Amino acid sequence: MKDSNEILKEAVEVLRSGGVILYPTDTVWGIGCDATDPEAVEKVFKTKGREQGKALVLLASGLDMVGRYVKEIPEMAIQLVEVNDAPMTIIYPDARVAPEGTGADRHFLARNVVAEDGSVGIRIPLHKFSHDLAYRLGRPIVSTSANLSGGKTPVSYKDIPKEIVDAVDYAVPSYLGSESTGKASQILKVGLRGEIQIIRK
């Protein structure tokens, strides 16, 4: 049985090479890739059979990483992160996105992870493996549930469709998913003036 450090190293190598991974998050098992690589993001959409143009949730290792990929972090978002003790995704107003027509650039998010209004949903996971994965990669990771589009969200590894497992470039072993809650995160949209909109409780 491989230890988590060895698995983290292998998973990060796949992410850096533009691959798609199946991995446990603080909520449910997810499909992920480097959020700065538009071609890898396309692979995620194809793996799920999901239409392009739908915004994706990202995982970041901390507010310092969030700050590199959004133009401004609202003060209210900082306060929410500091007191948070459950999975919480915050939608930030202005993502830093790659200029039109450019390829992967680690300083900008891929255009196909952000919403039409330029906002982006990012969560700082309270889960060692997914947190360390983003930290070691050094940039945000796409996190979308490991189900086919329109299908039921898998609560545990055994619920993940075989088509998903077969389609990814790397699957984290199931025994590393024990810390996942099995429930989707709360989603809050936070404005620069402190406005809060609850998208999902």
Protein backbone atom coordinates (compact mmCIF):
# COMPACT_ATOMS: atom_id res chain seq x y z
CA MET A 1 0.00 0.00 0.00
CA LYS A 2 1.45 3.35 -1.06
CA ASP A 3 1.65 6.15 1.49
CA SER A 4 0.00 9.52 0.90
CA ASN A 5 3.28 11.30 0.11
CA GLU A 6 4.07 8.92 -2.73
CA ILE A 7 0.52 9.25 -4.08
CA LEU A 8 0.66 13.06 -3.83
CA LYS A 9 3.89 13.07 -5.83
CA GLU A 10 2.41 10.88 -8.57
CA ALA A 11 -0.83 12.88 -8.73
CA VAL A 12 1.01 16.22 -8.97
CA GLU A 13 3.18 14.88 -11.81
CA VAL A 14 0.01 13.96 -13.73
CA LEU A 15 -1.52 17.40 -13.06
CA ARG A 16 1.65 19.17 -14.24
CA SER A 17 1.64 17.14 -17.45
CA GLY A 18 -1.92 18.24 -18.30
CA GLY A 19 -3.63 15.11 -17.04
CA VAL A 20 -6.93 14.56 -15.26
CA ILE A 21 -7.10 12.85 -11.87
CA LEU A 22 -9.75 11.23 -9.70
CA TYR A 23 -9.21 12.24 -6.08
CA PRO A 24 -10.90 12.67 -2.69
CA THR A 25 -11.79 16.18 -1.53
CA ASP A 26 -13.23 17.52 1.72
CA THR A 27 -16.73 16.92 0.32
CA VAL A 28 -17.03 14.12 -2.28
CA TRP A 29 -14.72 12.37 -4.73
CA GLY A 30 -13.81 14.74 -7.54
CA ILE A 31 -12.34 14.91 -11.01
CA GLY A 32 -9.60 17.50 -11.25
CA CYS A 33 -6.87 19.10 -13.28
CA ASP A 34 -4.61 22.14 -13.23
CA ALA A 35 -7.04 25.09 -13.32
CA THR A 36 -4.57 27.16 -15.37
CA ASP A 37 -4.51 24.65 -18.25
CA PRO A 38 -7.46 25.12 -20.67
CA GLU A 39 -6.81 21.86 -22.53
CA ALA A 40 -6.83 19.87 -19.29
CA VAL A 41 -10.08 21.61 -18.30
CA GLU A 42 -11.60 20.53 -21.63
CA LYS A 43 -10.65 16.94 -20.79
CA VAL A 44 -12.55 17.26 -17.51
CA PHE A 45 -15.69 18.40 -19.36
CA LYS A 46 -15.34 15.49 -21.81
CA THR A 47 -14.78 12.96 -19.01
CA LYS A 48 -18.06 14.02 -17.36
CA GLY A 49 -19.94 14.51 -20.62
CA ARG A 50 -20.65 18.04 -19.41
CA GLU A 51 -21.24 20.96 -21.73
CA GLN A 52 -18.58 23.65 -21.97
CA GLY A 53 -19.41 27.05 -20.52
CA LYS A 54 -20.44 25.91 -17.04
CA ALA A 55 -18.22 27.37 -14.34
CA LEU A 56 -16.20 24.96 -12.20
CA VAL A 57 -15.28 25.00 -8.51
CA LEU A 58 -11.56 25.17 -7.74
CA LEU A 59 -9.55 24.14 -4.69
CA ALA A 60 -6.75 26.35 -3.35
CA SER A 61 -4.31 25.75 -0.50
CA GLY A 62 -4.95 29.11 1.18
CA LEU A 63 -5.91 32.76 0.79
CA ASP A 64 -2.43 33.56 -0.52
CA MET A 65 -3.10 31.29 -3.50
CA VAL A 66 -6.62 32.70 -3.95
CA GLY A 67 -5.10 36.19 -4.03
CA ARG A 68 -2.89 35.29 -6.98
CA TYR A 69 -5.87 34.27 -9.10
CA VAL A 70 -8.53 36.86 -8.25
CA LYS A 71 -8.11 40.60 -8.67
CA GLU A 72 -9.31 41.44 -5.17
CA ILE A 73 -10.38 39.39 -2.16
CA PRO A 74 -13.37 41.00 -0.42
CA GLU A 75 -12.75 41.66 3.29
CA MET A 76 -15.91 39.68 4.08
CA ALA A 77 -14.46 36.63 2.31
CA ILE A 78 -11.33 36.80 4.48
CA GLN A 79 -13.47 36.89 7.62
CA LEU A 80 -15.57 33.94 6.43
CA VAL A 81 -12.48 31.83 5.69
CA GLU A 82 -10.94 32.64 9.07
CA VAL A 83 -13.97 31.40 11.06
CA ASN A 84 -14.98 28.58 8.74
CA ASP A 85 -15.06 25.03 10.10
CA ALA A 86 -17.03 23.25 7.34
CA PRO A 87 -16.64 22.92 3.55
CA MET A 88 -17.40 26.34 2.05
CA THR A 89 -16.98 27.53 -1.52
CA ILE A 90 -16.77 31.28 -2.04
CA ILE A 91 -17.54 32.85 -5.41
CA TYR A 92 -15.12 35.75 -5.93
CA PRO A 93 -16.09 38.59 -8.29
CA ASP A 94 -13.10 39.02 -10.64
CA ALA A 95 -10.88 36.11 -11.65
CA ARG A 96 -7.51 36.66 -13.26
CA VAL A 97 -7.97 34.88 -16.57
CA ALA A 98 -5.56 34.20 -19.41
CA PRO A 99 -5.77 36.65 -22.34
CA GLU A 100 -7.96 35.48 -25.23
CA GLY A 101 -6.23 33.08 -27.60
CA THR A 102 -3.38 32.13 -25.27
CA GLY A 103 -2.59 28.66 -23.99
CA ALA A 104 -1.79 27.54 -20.47
CA ASP A 105 -0.17 30.21 -18.31
CA ARG A 106 0.34 29.35 -14.63
CA HIS A 107 -0.17 33.01 -13.68
CA PHE A 108 -3.80 33.03 -14.90
CA LEU A 109 -6.83 30.78 -14.61
CA ALA A 110 -8.02 29.08 -17.77
CA ARG A 111 -10.95 30.96 -19.30
CA ASN A 112 -13.08 27.79 -19.26
CA VAL A 113 -13.13 27.52 -15.45
CA VAL A 114 -14.72 30.92 -14.80
CA ALA A 115 -18.35 32.01 -15.10
CA GLU A 116 -19.58 34.33 -17.86
CA ASP A 117 -19.54 37.28 -15.45
CA GLY A 118 -15.85 36.68 -14.68
CA SER A 119 -16.44 35.26 -11.21
CA VAL A 120 -14.90 32.05 -9.92
CA GLY A 121 -15.79 29.66 -7.09
CA ILE A 122 -12.86 28.64 -4.89
CA ARG A 123 -12.73 26.50 -1.76
CA ILE A 124 -9.87 26.07 0.70
CA PRO A 125 -10.36 22.43 1.71
CA LEU A 126 -10.34 21.35 5.34
CA HIS A 127 -8.92 18.03 4.21
CA LYS A 128 -5.25 17.17 4.30
CA PHE A 129 -4.91 15.30 1.00
CA SER A 130 -6.73 17.78 -1.27
CA HIS A 131 -5.14 20.74 0.55
CA ASP A 132 -1.65 19.27 0.10
CA LEU A 133 -2.38 18.48 -3.54
CA ALA A 134 -3.09 22.15 -4.33
CA TYR A 135 -0.14 23.26 -2.19
CA ARG A 136 2.32 20.98 -3.97
CA LEU A 137 1.02 21.87 -7.41
CA GLY A 138 1.32 25.55 -6.49
CA ARG A 139 -1.90 26.59 -8.21
CA PRO A 140 -5.63 25.88 -7.99
CA ILE A 141 -7.10 22.52 -8.96
CA VAL A 142 -10.44 21.95 -10.64
CA SER A 143 -12.86 20.07 -8.37
CA THR A 144 -16.03 18.73 -9.96
CA SER A 145 -17.90 15.71 -8.61
CA ALA A 146 -16.89 12.34 -10.06
CA ASN A 147 -20.14 11.55 -11.83
CA LEU A 148 -21.33 11.64 -15.41
CA SER A 149 -23.24 14.84 -16.20
CA GLY A 150 -26.78 14.58 -14.84
CA GLY A 151 -25.92 11.50 -12.77
CA LYS A 152 -26.00 11.06 -9.03
CA THR A 153 -23.10 12.54 -7.05
CA PRO A 154 -21.01 9.65 -5.69
CA VAL A 155 -20.93 9.65 -1.89
CA SER A 156 -18.02 7.20 -1.76
CA TYR A 157 -15.47 5.65 -4.13
CA LYS A 158 -17.65 2.60 -4.81
CA ASP A 159 -20.36 4.90 -6.23
CA ILE A 160 -18.08 6.35 -8.94
CA PRO A 161 -19.10 5.16 -12.44
CA LYS A 162 -16.59 2.80 -14.10
CA GLU A 163 -16.56 5.11 -17.15
CA ILE A 164 -15.10 7.88 -14.97
CA VAL A 165 -12.45 5.65 -13.38
CA ASP A 166 -11.41 4.37 -16.83
CA ALA A 167 -11.31 7.85 -18.39
CA VAL A 168 -8.99 9.63 -15.96
CA ASP A 169 -5.19 9.60 -16.23
CA TYR A 170 -4.66 8.83 -12.55
CA ALA A 171 -6.95 7.57 -9.77
CA VAL A 172 -6.03 8.14 -6.14
CA PRO A 173 -6.56 4.91 -4.14
CA SER A 174 -9.92 4.63 -2.43
CA TYR A 175 -8.45 4.33 1.09
CA LEU A 176 -7.45 8.01 1.04
CA GLY A 177 -11.09 9.14 0.87
CA SER A 178 -12.02 8.45 4.48
CA GLU A 179 -11.93 12.14 5.51
CA SER A 180 -14.48 13.24 2.90
CA THR A 181 -17.87 14.32 4.26
CA GLY A 182 -19.88 12.84 1.37
CA LYS A 183 -21.88 16.09 1.16
CA ALA A 184 -21.60 19.04 -1.21
CA SER A 185 -20.17 22.28 0.18
CA GLN A 186 -22.03 25.44 1.07
CA ILE A 187 -21.65 28.06 -1.70
CA LEU A 188 -21.59 31.80 -0.97
CA LYS A 189 -21.20 34.62 -3.47
CA VAL A 190 -19.35 37.54 -1.89
CA GLY A 191 -19.21 41.07 -3.34
CA LEU A 192 -16.47 43.65 -2.91
CA ARG A 193 -18.71 45.73 -0.63
CA GLY A 194 -19.42 42.80 1.69
CA GLU A 195 -22.64 41.64 0.04
CA ILE A 196 -23.33 37.92 0.61
CA GLN A 197 -25.63 35.78 -1.49
CA ILE A 198 -26.28 32.18 -0.42
CA ILE A 199 -26.18 30.01 -3.55
CA ARG A 200 -26.33 26.67 -1.74
CA LYS A 201 -26.75 26.02 2.01
